[in-house]
Every structure is written in C-alpha cells, then in structure tokens.
C-alpha cells in the first residue's frame, strides 16, 4: 500500500489515480527521468531552447528539465561574458 501525495488516503500500489481526490498518483509514461547529454549540450549553445524545454518538461520529467535549464543558464552566462569581453 502507498499514500496519495495530495490527500494522504491509503491507496493500492497499482492505482493510477486516487479514488478519493482523483489526482494522478502514478506516471504511466515509460520514459525515464534521466538527464540527456545531447539535449544538455544543445541547451548550452542555444539557451532559449533549454528554457523552453524546461517549462515544457518540468511537471512530467523534473530531473531532465532541471538539467536542461542548468545548461541553458550556463550557456546564457557564457554568452554574456563573451559579449562583454569582445
């Protein structure tokens, strides 16, 4: 048994939604939430893409979204530093 994160009701491990409050409790998406190095590098060179991906993925895959945002912010900072220097 497990508990609903929204209302605290005890629910079955196989449940996809809480029977009491109706909130989705299990992600039926089979993709893993692991950072993708290719997308992180893309975000480094094109920070706007990383920021858009972050807002698109932040609910479904928070770890992947955080990684993309981190690289986007690093890319943005490098761009500002290089603009100031040159």
PDB file of N, CA and C in Angstrom:
ATOM      1  N   UNK A   1       0.837  -1.183   0.000  1.00  0.00           N
ATOM      2  CA  UNK A   1       0.000   0.000   0.000  1.00  0.00           C
ATOM      3  C   UNK A   1       0.884   1.250   0.000  1.00  0.00           C
ATOM      4  N   UNK A   2       0.343   2.318  -0.580  1.00  0.00           N
ATOM      5  CA  UNK A   2       1.016   3.607  -0.560  1.00  0.00           C
ATOM      6  C   UNK A   2      -0.029   4.691  -0.298  1.00  0.00           C
ATOM      7  N   UNK A   3       0.434   5.915  -0.170  1.00  0.00           N
ATOM      8  CA  UNK A   3      -0.459   7.017   0.166  1.00  0.00           C
ATOM      9  C   UNK A   3      -0.462   8.058  -0.947  1.00  0.00           C
ATOM     10  N   UNK A   4      -1.611   8.659  -1.150  1.00  0.00           N
ATOM     11  CA  UNK A   4      -1.758   9.736  -2.130  1.00  0.00           C
ATOM     12  C   UNK A   4      -0.985  10.949  -1.617  1.00  0.00           C
ATOM     13  N   UNK A   5      -0.170  11.542  -2.483  1.00  0.00           N
ATOM     14  CA  UNK A   5       0.599  12.724  -2.088  1.00  0.00           C
ATOM     15  C   UNK A   5      -0.286  13.954  -1.918  1.00  0.00           C
ATOM     16  N   UNK A   6      -1.453  13.936  -2.522  1.00  0.00           N
ATOM     17  CA  UNK A   6      -2.343  15.095  -2.459  1.00  0.00           C
ATOM     18  C   UNK A   6      -3.213  15.097  -1.199  1.00  0.00           C
ATOM     19  N   UNK A   7      -3.897  13.967  -0.936  1.00  0.00           N
ATOM     20  CA  UNK A   7      -4.852  13.961   0.184  1.00  0.00           C
ATOM     21  C   UNK A   7      -4.456  13.021   1.329  1.00  0.00           C
ATOM     22  N   UNK A   8      -3.465  12.158   1.116  1.00  0.00           N
ATOM     23  CA  UNK A   8      -3.000  11.271   2.174  1.00  0.00           C
ATOM     24  C   UNK A   8      -3.779   9.978   2.328  1.00  0.00           C
ATOM     25  N   UNK A   9      -4.704   9.708   1.446  1.00  0.00           N
ATOM     26  CA  UNK A   9      -5.507   8.492   1.507  1.00  0.00           C
ATOM     27  C   UNK A   9      -4.647   7.278   1.142  1.00  0.00           C
ATOM     28  N   UNK A  10      -4.839   6.182   1.863  1.00  0.00           N
ATOM     29  CA  UNK A  10      -4.116   4.949   1.550  1.00  0.00           C
ATOM     30  C   UNK A  10      -4.716   4.350   0.282  1.00  0.00           C
ATOM     31  N   UNK A  11      -3.833   4.061  -0.695  1.00  0.00           N
ATOM     32  CA  UNK A  11      -4.290   3.534  -1.978  1.00  0.00           C
ATOM     33  C   UNK A  11      -3.425   2.348  -2.392  1.00  0.00           C
ATOM     34  N   UNK A  12      -3.892   1.593  -3.354  1.00  0.00           N
ATOM     35  CA  UNK A  12      -3.174   0.436  -3.868  1.00  0.00           C
ATOM     36  C   UNK A  12      -1.948   0.887  -4.665  1.00  0.00           C
ATOM     37  N   UNK A  13      -0.900   0.055  -4.681  1.00  0.00           N
ATOM     38  CA  UNK A  13       0.305   0.374  -5.446  1.00  0.00           C
ATOM     39  C   UNK A  13       0.036   0.375  -6.946  1.00  0.00           C
ATOM     40  N   UNK A  14      -0.984  -0.344  -7.388  1.00  0.00           N
ATOM     41  CA  UNK A  14      -1.308  -0.419  -8.806  1.00  0.00           C
ATOM     42  C   UNK A  14      -2.188   0.723  -9.286  1.00  0.00           C
ATOM     43  N   UNK A  15      -2.677   1.558  -8.372  1.00  0.00           N
ATOM     44  CA  UNK A  15      -3.593   2.639  -8.728  1.00  0.00           C
ATOM     45  C   UNK A  15      -2.886   3.718  -9.544  1.00  0.00           C
ATOM     46  N   UNK A  16      -3.588   4.245 -10.535  1.00  0.00           N
ATOM     47  CA  UNK A  16      -3.071   5.349 -11.340  1.00  0.00           C
ATOM     48  C   UNK A  16      -3.611   6.687 -10.870  1.00  0.00           C
ATOM     49  N   UNK A  17      -4.805   6.671 -10.289  1.00  0.00           N
ATOM     50  CA  UNK A  17      -5.397   7.881  -9.727  1.00  0.00           C
ATOM     51  C   UNK A  17      -5.930   7.570  -8.332  1.00  0.00           C
ATOM     52  N   UNK A  18      -5.962   8.567  -7.488  1.00  0.00           N
ATOM     53  CA  UNK A  18      -6.505   8.407  -6.143  1.00  0.00           C
ATOM     54  C   UNK A  18      -8.027   8.319  -6.241  1.00  0.00           C
ATOM     55  N   UNK A  19      -8.635   7.285  -5.633  1.00  0.00           N
ATOM     56  CA  UNK A  19     -10.088   7.165  -5.708  1.00  0.00           C
ATOM     57  C   UNK A  19     -10.829   8.260  -4.921  1.00  0.00           C
ATOM     58  N   UNK A  20     -10.153   8.884  -3.961  1.00  0.00           N
ATOM     59  CA  UNK A  20     -10.809   9.910  -3.156  1.00  0.00           C
ATOM     60  C   UNK A  20     -10.756  11.286  -3.819  1.00  0.00           C
ATOM     61  N   UNK A  21      -9.552  11.716  -4.243  1.00  0.00           N
ATOM     62  CA  UNK A  21      -9.423  13.077  -4.778  1.00  0.00           C
ATOM     63  C   UNK A  21      -9.256  13.125  -6.295  1.00  0.00           C
ATOM     64  N   UNK A  22      -8.959  11.989  -6.939  1.00  0.00           N
ATOM     65  CA  UNK A  22      -8.859  11.943  -8.391  1.00  0.00           C
ATOM     66  C   UNK A  22      -7.538  12.408  -8.966  1.00  0.00           C
ATOM     67  N   UNK A  23      -6.535  12.660  -8.120  1.00  0.00           N
ATOM     68  CA  UNK A  23      -5.232  13.113  -8.596  1.00  0.00           C
ATOM     69  C   UNK A  23      -4.423  11.923  -9.111  1.00  0.00           C
ATOM     70  N   UNK A  24      -3.716  12.140 -10.214  1.00  0.00           N
ATOM     71  CA  UNK A  24      -2.864  11.101 -10.790  1.00  0.00           C
ATOM     72  C   UNK A  24      -1.726  10.803  -9.812  1.00  0.00           C
ATOM     73  N   UNK A  25      -1.561   9.530  -9.454  1.00  0.00           N
ATOM     74  CA  UNK A  25      -0.538   9.170  -8.482  1.00  0.00           C
ATOM     75  C   UNK A  25       0.592   8.361  -9.089  1.00  0.00           C
ATOM     76  N   UNK A  26       0.388   7.797 -10.249  1.00  0.00           N
ATOM     77  CA  UNK A  26       1.428   7.008 -10.885  1.00  0.00           C
ATOM     78  C   UNK A  26       1.582   7.482 -12.317  1.00  0.00           C
ATOM     79  N   UNK A  27       2.851   7.731 -12.690  1.00  0.00           N
ATOM     80  CA  UNK A  27       3.117   8.186 -14.047  1.00  0.00           C
ATOM     81  C   UNK A  27       3.122   6.980 -14.971  1.00  0.00           C
ATOM     82  N   UNK A  28       2.202   6.962 -15.947  1.00  0.00           N
ATOM     83  CA  UNK A  28       2.148   5.849 -16.880  1.00  0.00           C
ATOM     84  C   UNK A  28       3.093   6.035 -18.058  1.00  0.00           C
ATOM     85  N   UNK A  29       3.894   7.089 -18.032  1.00  0.00           N
ATOM     86  CA  UNK A  29       4.889   7.320 -19.068  1.00  0.00           C
ATOM     87  C   UNK A  29       6.067   6.376 -18.830  1.00  0.00           C
ATOM     88  N   UNK A  30       6.488   5.646 -19.848  1.00  0.00           N
ATOM     89  CA  UNK A  30       7.545   4.652 -19.676  1.00  0.00           C
ATOM     90  C   UNK A  30       8.946   5.240 -19.783  1.00  0.00           C
ATOM     91  N   UNK A  31       9.065   6.485 -20.212  1.00  0.00           N
ATOM     92  CA  UNK A  31      10.395   7.075 -20.331  1.00  0.00           C
ATOM     93  C   UNK A  31      10.952   7.396 -18.946  1.00  0.00           C
ATOM     94  N   UNK A  32      12.253   7.256 -18.826  1.00  0.00           N
ATOM     95  CA  UNK A  32      12.896   7.528 -17.547  1.00  0.00           C
ATOM     96  C   UNK A  32      13.211   9.009 -17.426  1.00  0.00           C
ATOM     97  N   UNK A  33      13.275   9.470 -16.209  1.00  0.00           N
ATOM     98  CA  UNK A  33      13.580  10.870 -15.936  1.00  0.00           C
ATOM     99  C   UNK A  33      15.068  11.010 -15.658  1.00  0.00           C
ATOM    100  N   UNK A  34      15.871  10.837 -16.689  1.00  0.00           N
ATOM    101  CA  UNK A  34      17.315  10.992 -16.565  1.00  0.00           C
ATOM    102  C   UNK A  34      17.770  12.077 -17.525  1.00  0.00           C
ATOM    103  N   UNK A  35      18.736  12.887 -17.108  1.00  0.00           N
ATOM    104  CA  UNK A  35      19.230  13.945 -17.983  1.00  0.00           C
ATOM    105  C   UNK A  35      19.795  13.376 -19.289  1.00  0.00           C
ATOM    106  N   UNK A  36      19.585  14.104 -20.372  1.00  0.00           N
ATOM    107  CA  UNK A  36      20.049  13.695 -21.686  1.00  0.00           C
ATOM    108  C   UNK A  36      21.199  14.605 -22.084  1.00  0.00           C
ATOM    109  N   UNK A  37      22.398  14.049 -22.262  1.00  0.00           N
ATOM    110  CA  UNK A  37      23.594  14.854 -22.524  1.00  0.00           C
ATOM    111  C   UNK A  37      23.479  15.614 -23.842  1.00  0.00           C
ATOM    112  N   UNK A  38      22.848  15.014 -24.837  1.00  0.00           N
ATOM    113  CA  UNK A  38      22.691  15.694 -26.120  1.00  0.00           C
ATOM    114  C   UNK A  38      21.838  16.949 -26.003  1.00  0.00           C
ATOM    115  N   UNK A  39      20.728  16.838 -25.289  1.00  0.00           N
ATOM    116  CA  UNK A  39      19.860  17.999 -25.094  1.00  0.00           C
ATOM    117  C   UNK A  39      20.505  19.035 -24.177  1.00  0.00           C
ATOM    118  N   UNK A  40      21.311  18.566 -23.224  1.00  0.00           N
ATOM    119  CA  UNK A  40      22.020  19.500 -22.353  1.00  0.00           C
ATOM    120  C   UNK A  40      23.019  20.330 -23.161  1.00  0.00           C
ATOM    121  N   UNK A  41      23.740  19.684 -24.075  1.00  0.00           N
ATOM    122  CA  UNK A  41      24.704  20.405 -24.911  1.00  0.00           C
ATOM    123  C   UNK A  41      23.970  21.366 -25.851  1.00  0.00           C
ATOM    124  N   UNK A  42      22.848  20.923 -26.404  1.00  0.00           N
ATOM    125  CA  UNK A  42      22.040  21.805 -27.255  1.00  0.00           C
ATOM    126  C   UNK A  42      21.606  23.037 -26.472  1.00  0.00           C
ATOM    127  N   UNK A  43      21.217  22.846 -25.210  1.00  0.00           N
ATOM    128  CA  UNK A  43      20.797  23.962 -24.354  1.00  0.00           C
ATOM    129  C   UNK A  43      21.955  24.890 -24.032  1.00  0.00           C
ATOM    130  N   UNK A  44      23.160  24.337 -23.978  1.00  0.00           N
ATOM    131  CA  UNK A  44      24.339  25.151 -23.705  1.00  0.00           C
ATOM    132  C   UNK A  44      24.585  26.139 -24.848  1.00  0.00           C
ATOM    133  N   UNK A  45      24.447  25.676 -26.080  1.00  0.00           N
ATOM    134  CA  UNK A  45      24.697  26.529 -27.238  1.00  0.00           C
ATOM    135  C   UNK A  45      23.482  27.362 -27.650  1.00  0.00           C
ATOM    136  N   UNK A  46      22.295  26.883 -27.327  1.00  0.00           N
ATOM    137  CA  UNK A  46      21.055  27.604 -27.634  1.00  0.00           C
ATOM    138  C   UNK A  46      20.201  27.680 -26.363  1.00  0.00           C
ATOM    139  N   UNK A  47      20.522  28.629 -25.478  1.00  0.00           N
ATOM    140  CA  UNK A  47      19.842  28.700 -24.177  1.00  0.00           C
ATOM    141  C   UNK A  47      18.323  28.854 -24.256  1.00  0.00           C
ATOM    142  N   UNK A  48      17.833  29.522 -25.265  1.00  0.00           N
ATOM    143  CA  UNK A  48      16.384  29.693 -25.389  1.00  0.00           C
ATOM    144  C   UNK A  48      15.675  28.348 -25.554  1.00  0.00           C
ATOM    145  N   UNK A  49      16.308  27.437 -26.290  1.00  0.00           N
ATOM    146  CA  UNK A  49      15.751  26.083 -26.455  1.00  0.00           C
ATOM    147  C   UNK A  49      15.676  25.391 -25.098  1.00  0.00           C
ATOM    148  N   UNK A  50      16.723  25.508 -24.300  1.00  0.00           N
ATOM    149  CA  UNK A  50      16.738  24.903 -22.970  1.00  0.00           C
ATOM    150  C   UNK A  50      15.668  25.448 -22.054  1.00  0.00           C
ATOM    151  N   UNK A  51      15.440  26.738 -22.117  1.00  0.00           N
ATOM    152  CA  UNK A  51      14.418  27.351 -21.276  1.00  0.00           C
ATOM    153  C   UNK A  51      13.026  26.886 -21.702  1.00  0.00           C
ATOM    154  N   UNK A  52      12.799  26.799 -22.991  1.00  0.00           N
ATOM    155  CA  UNK A  52      11.510  26.305 -23.492  1.00  0.00           C
ATOM    156  C   UNK A  52      11.297  24.852 -23.080  1.00  0.00           C
ATOM    157  N   UNK A  53      12.343  24.021 -23.215  1.00  0.00           N
ATOM    158  CA  UNK A  53      12.237  22.613 -22.820  1.00  0.00           C
ATOM    159  C   UNK A  53      11.976  22.479 -21.324  1.00  0.00           C
ATOM    160  N   UNK A  54      12.603  23.341 -20.529  1.00  0.00           N
ATOM    161  CA  UNK A  54      12.378  23.286 -19.085  1.00  0.00           C
ATOM    162  C   UNK A  54      10.897  23.475 -18.752  1.00  0.00           C
ATOM    163  N   UNK A  55      10.301  24.529 -19.300  1.00  0.00           N
ATOM    164  CA  UNK A  55       8.898  24.792 -18.988  1.00  0.00           C
ATOM    165  C   UNK A  55       7.970  23.735 -19.568  1.00  0.00           C
ATOM    166  N   UNK A  56       8.399  23.073 -20.634  1.00  0.00           N
ATOM    167  CA  UNK A  56       7.601  22.008 -21.228  1.00  0.00           C
ATOM    168  C   UNK A  56       7.660  20.732 -20.391  1.00  0.00           C
ATOM    169  N   UNK A  57       8.823  20.430 -19.814  1.00  0.00           N
ATOM    170  CA  UNK A  57       9.048  19.153 -19.123  1.00  0.00           C
ATOM    171  C   UNK A  57       8.979  19.214 -17.608  1.00  0.00           C
ATOM    172  N   UNK A  58       8.869  20.378 -17.000  1.00  0.00           N
ATOM    173  CA  UNK A  58       9.051  20.479 -15.547  1.00  0.00           C
ATOM    174  C   UNK A  58       8.073  19.647 -14.724  1.00  0.00           C
ATOM    175  N   UNK A  59       6.877  19.376 -15.219  1.00  0.00           N
ATOM    176  CA  UNK A  59       5.925  18.560 -14.461  1.00  0.00           C
ATOM    177  C   UNK A  59       6.131  17.067 -14.689  1.00  0.00           C
ATOM    178  N   UNK A  60       6.406  16.672 -15.930  1.00  0.00           N
ATOM    179  CA  UNK A  60       6.499  15.250 -16.255  1.00  0.00           C
ATOM    180  C   UNK A  60       7.860  14.650 -15.940  1.00  0.00           C
ATOM    181  N   UNK A  61       8.936  15.364 -16.260  1.00  0.00           N
ATOM    182  CA  UNK A  61      10.289  14.851 -16.029  1.00  0.00           C
ATOM    183  C   UNK A  61      11.143  15.936 -15.379  1.00  0.00           C
ATOM    184  N   UNK A  62      11.002  16.121 -14.068  1.00  0.00           N
ATOM    185  CA  UNK A  62      11.678  17.246 -13.405  1.00  0.00           C
ATOM    186  C   UNK A  62      13.208  17.169 -13.419  1.00  0.00           C
ATOM    187  N   UNK A  63      13.785  15.977 -13.343  1.00  0.00           N
ATOM    188  CA  UNK A  63      15.251  15.874 -13.348  1.00  0.00           C
ATOM    189  C   UNK A  63      15.818  16.267 -14.707  1.00  0.00           C
ATOM    190  N   UNK A  64      15.187  15.784 -15.757  1.00  0.00           N
ATOM    191  CA  UNK A  64      15.631  16.126 -17.113  1.00  0.00           C
ATOM    192  C   UNK A  64      15.444  17.624 -17.353  1.00  0.00           C
ATOM    193  N   UNK A  65      14.338  18.177 -16.891  1.00  0.00           N
ATOM    194  CA  UNK A  65      14.066  19.603 -17.062  1.00  0.00           C
ATOM    195  C   UNK A  65      15.086  20.452 -16.310  1.00  0.00           C
ATOM    196  N   UNK A  66      15.451  20.031 -15.107  1.00  0.00           N
ATOM    197  CA  UNK A  66      16.427  20.785 -14.316  1.00  0.00           C
ATOM    198  C   UNK A  66      17.798  20.773 -14.977  1.00  0.00           C
ATOM    199  N   UNK A  67      18.178  19.629 -15.543  1.00  0.00           N
ATOM    200  CA  UNK A  67      19.462  19.537 -16.238  1.00  0.00           C
ATOM    201  C   UNK A  67      19.518  20.446 -17.444  1.00  0.00           C
ATOM    202  N   UNK A  68      18.450  20.462 -18.223  1.00  0.00           N
ATOM    203  CA  UNK A  68      18.397  21.310 -19.413  1.00  0.00           C
ATOM    204  C   UNK A  68      18.441  22.787 -19.019  1.00  0.00           C
ATOM    205  N   UNK A  69      17.705  23.154 -17.971  1.00  0.00           N
ATOM    206  CA  UNK A  69      17.710  24.546 -17.513  1.00  0.00           C
ATOM    207  C   UNK A  69      19.087  24.955 -17.003  1.00  0.00           C
ATOM    208  N   UNK A  70      19.758  24.074 -16.286  1.00  0.00           N
ATOM    209  CA  UNK A  70      21.097  24.370 -15.772  1.00  0.00           C
ATOM    210  C   UNK A  70      22.055  24.680 -16.911  1.00  0.00           C
ATOM    211  N   UNK A  71      22.051  23.846 -17.939  1.00  0.00           N
ATOM    212  CA  UNK A  71      22.939  24.074 -19.073  1.00  0.00           C
ATOM    213  C   UNK A  71      22.533  25.331 -19.843  1.00  0.00           C
ATOM    214  N   UNK A  72      21.250  25.617 -19.922  1.00  0.00           N
ATOM    215  CA  UNK A  72      20.798  26.836 -20.602  1.00  0.00           C
ATOM    216  C   UNK A  72      21.298  28.069 -19.861  1.00  0.00           C
ATOM    217  N   UNK A  73      21.221  28.047 -18.532  1.00  0.00           N
ATOM    218  CA  UNK A  73      21.696  29.197 -17.754  1.00  0.00           C
ATOM    219  C   UNK A  73      23.210  29.352 -17.848  1.00  0.00           C
ATOM    220  N   UNK A  74      23.934  28.235 -17.877  1.00  0.00           N
ATOM    221  CA  UNK A  74      25.384  28.300 -18.061  1.00  0.00           C
ATOM    222  C   UNK A  74      25.705  28.882 -19.432  1.00  0.00           C
ATOM    223  N   UNK A  75      24.994  28.425 -20.452  1.00  0.00           N
ATOM    224  CA  UNK A  75      25.195  28.950 -21.799  1.00  0.00           C
ATOM    225  C   UNK A  75      24.891  30.431 -21.878  1.00  0.00           C
ATOM    226  N   UNK A  76      23.832  30.855 -21.209  1.00  0.00           N
ATOM    227  CA  UNK A  76      23.454  32.264 -21.183  1.00  0.00           C
ATOM    228  C   UNK A  76      24.560  33.096 -20.513  1.00  0.00           C
ATOM    229  N   UNK A  77      25.100  32.595 -19.389  1.00  0.00           N
ATOM    230  CA  UNK A  77      26.165  33.305 -18.673  1.00  0.00           C
ATOM    231  C   UNK A  77      27.426  33.393 -19.528  1.00  0.00           C
ATOM    232  N   UNK A  78      27.788  32.320 -20.194  1.00  0.00           N
ATOM    233  CA  UNK A  78      28.970  32.331 -21.072  1.00  0.00           C
ATOM    234  C   UNK A  78      28.769  33.339 -22.206  1.00  0.00           C
ATOM    235  N   UNK A  79      27.570  33.371 -22.753  1.00  0.00           N
ATOM    236  CA  UNK A  79      27.274  34.319 -23.818  1.00  0.00           C
ATOM    237  C   UNK A  79      27.423  35.754 -23.349  1.00  0.00           C
ATOM    238  N   UNK A  80      26.934  36.050 -22.160  1.00  0.00           N
ATOM    239  CA  UNK A  80      27.071  37.418 -21.611  1.00  0.00           C
ATOM    240  C   UNK A  80      28.534  37.770 -21.366  1.00  0.00           C
ATOM    241  N   UNK A  81      29.295  36.850 -20.794  1.00  0.00           N
ATOM    242  CA  UNK A  81      30.715  37.097 -20.520  1.00  0.00           C
ATOM    243  C   UNK A  81      31.483  37.340 -21.816  1.00  0.00           C
ATOM    244  N   UNK A  82      31.215  36.503 -22.829  1.00  0.00           N
ATOM    245  CA  UNK A  82      31.917  36.682 -24.101  1.00  0.00           C
ATOM    246  C   UNK A  82      31.513  37.983 -24.781  1.00  0.00           C
ATOM    247  N   UNK A  83      30.264  38.390 -24.638  1.00  0.00           N
ATOM    248  CA  UNK A  83      29.816  39.662 -25.211  1.00  0.00           C
ATOM    249  C   UNK A  83      30.520  40.843 -24.547  1.00  0.00           C
ATOM    250  N   UNK A  84      30.704  40.778 -23.250  1.00  0.00           N
ATOM    251  CA  UNK A  84      31.390  41.850 -22.515  1.00  0.00           C
ATOM    252  C   UNK A  84      32.865  41.896 -22.890  1.00  0.00           C
ATOM    253  N   UNK A  85      33.492  40.725 -23.020  1.00  0.00           N
ATOM    254  CA  UNK A  85      34.916  40.671 -23.326  1.00  0.00           C
ATOM    255  C   UNK A  85      35.231  41.116 -24.751  1.00  0.00           C
ATOM    256  N   UNK A  86      34.365  40.822 -25.685  1.00  0.00           N
ATOM    257  CA  UNK A  86      34.654  41.146 -27.080  1.00  0.00           C
ATOM    258  C   UNK A  86      33.727  42.231 -27.516  1.00  0.00           C
TER     259      UNK A  86
END
